[in-house]
């Protein structure tokens, strides 16, 4: 297993090196410049459209439900575990680069939502289909269909082996183990490896719940997301706010540490300083930021395409709100809490870092702090599993066409992937997720840059028609 983990880490480091990081930044910068900082100028309008449907629009779900479905797949372990992993490996400065990536990512997410609605199609049974594969094929031209297929294959792989399943269930069971059996006093041996009984039972229960919910399809997923996601975000953000308010005097020092680490002034992992430290902070911040908000990944526009609207720009504005909520609000809260508590220097990894931050920061008994984190993480991750099943099924439909039998078989495989997730190491899990994310990002970001002119002209036309 250690050898496999090292191989995964090597591939991860290569894929998330300077070229892909630079490509994602270039995409965000290009769109931000061409759209005149639309993510800042029209942020308020995005919130307005989020709560008000477009009259006469066609689609399967409301704009708010589409956003919640997208948020259900983005607000998850990336916000709690991903941020912790980023600052543990890349130092506090990783949070700074995560925020920069998110600011540019809002323009990227705007373009994704806009293109998803503009190039969506309706299949024979009336279902709305859309996402990167359709705006690559229909926007860039049929000769680029191979790139659309590459994205779809990568999306299926990400669902089965990365963001959709193993990272989520691994984080859920890790949190359950940390709450019910932190010392691993009750274990069970599986294939010669000892696992916490609490984690095994927790994984089995979550797998069963996933199996039950997936039968309902998108509308059931969106209904669950509309209730669960906003409620958990409020509870989680309030918990972080309590820590920040009770440690308000330490916030300025935390910002200094974040800034110094971001530019290699302060040593980070392994005592690295200077350019090496800055490079690690950038790569960790961007990679984990994209895992969290999925801007540029191409997953969110699959949900955005189902929104009831006739105006691509409207859904683009709603879509970018997802990145604002996910990273600018939730990830920032997590990062500040971790830095203020000093948990990122504890030598632990994953959910244990955030758990330590909550234990040190919240003015409650450890059991209460751990319970809050476990519930929030479990709900976030559970809804992410559901959202990514929808994404990967849409990728499957694009490649092979609609088939109930094929969908059922895929769901069985997907549920099986959820079941085995708890038995993999955290480092291997996150490495696999990063690799799959990178393979999705490459074709999607390429398409966004190629179609940036279309995004600009659509935006200009919409606001010319709606000057008020």
Foldseek 3Di string as FASTA:
>chain_A
DVVLLVVLVVLLCVLLADPLLVLLLVLLVVLCVLQVLCCPVCLVVLVVLLVDAAPPFDFDAALVLLLLLLLLQFQALLQQFLLLQLCLFLNLLLLVLLVVSLSSLLSLLLLQLLLQQVQWDADPVGHIFGWLLRCQPVVVHVVRNVLSLLLLVLLLCLCLQASQAQLQLQQLLVLQCCQPPVPLPAWDADPNDIDRPRSLVSLVVLLVVLVVQPVVPSVSLSVLSSPLVVVLLVLLLVLLVQLCVVLVVLQVVLVVRNVCQCQQNAAHPPRGGHPVSNSSSNSSSNLSSCSNQVRLLTQSSRSSNRHRHPASSSSSSNSSVSSCSRRVRSNVSQSSLLSSQVLSNVPDHGNVSSLSSQCSRGPDHSSVSSVSSSVSNNSSSSSSNSSSLNSSVSSVCVVPNDDPVVNVVSSVSSSVSNSCSNVDDNSSRNSSSSSSSSSSSVSSSVSSVVCSVVVSVSVVVVCVVVVD
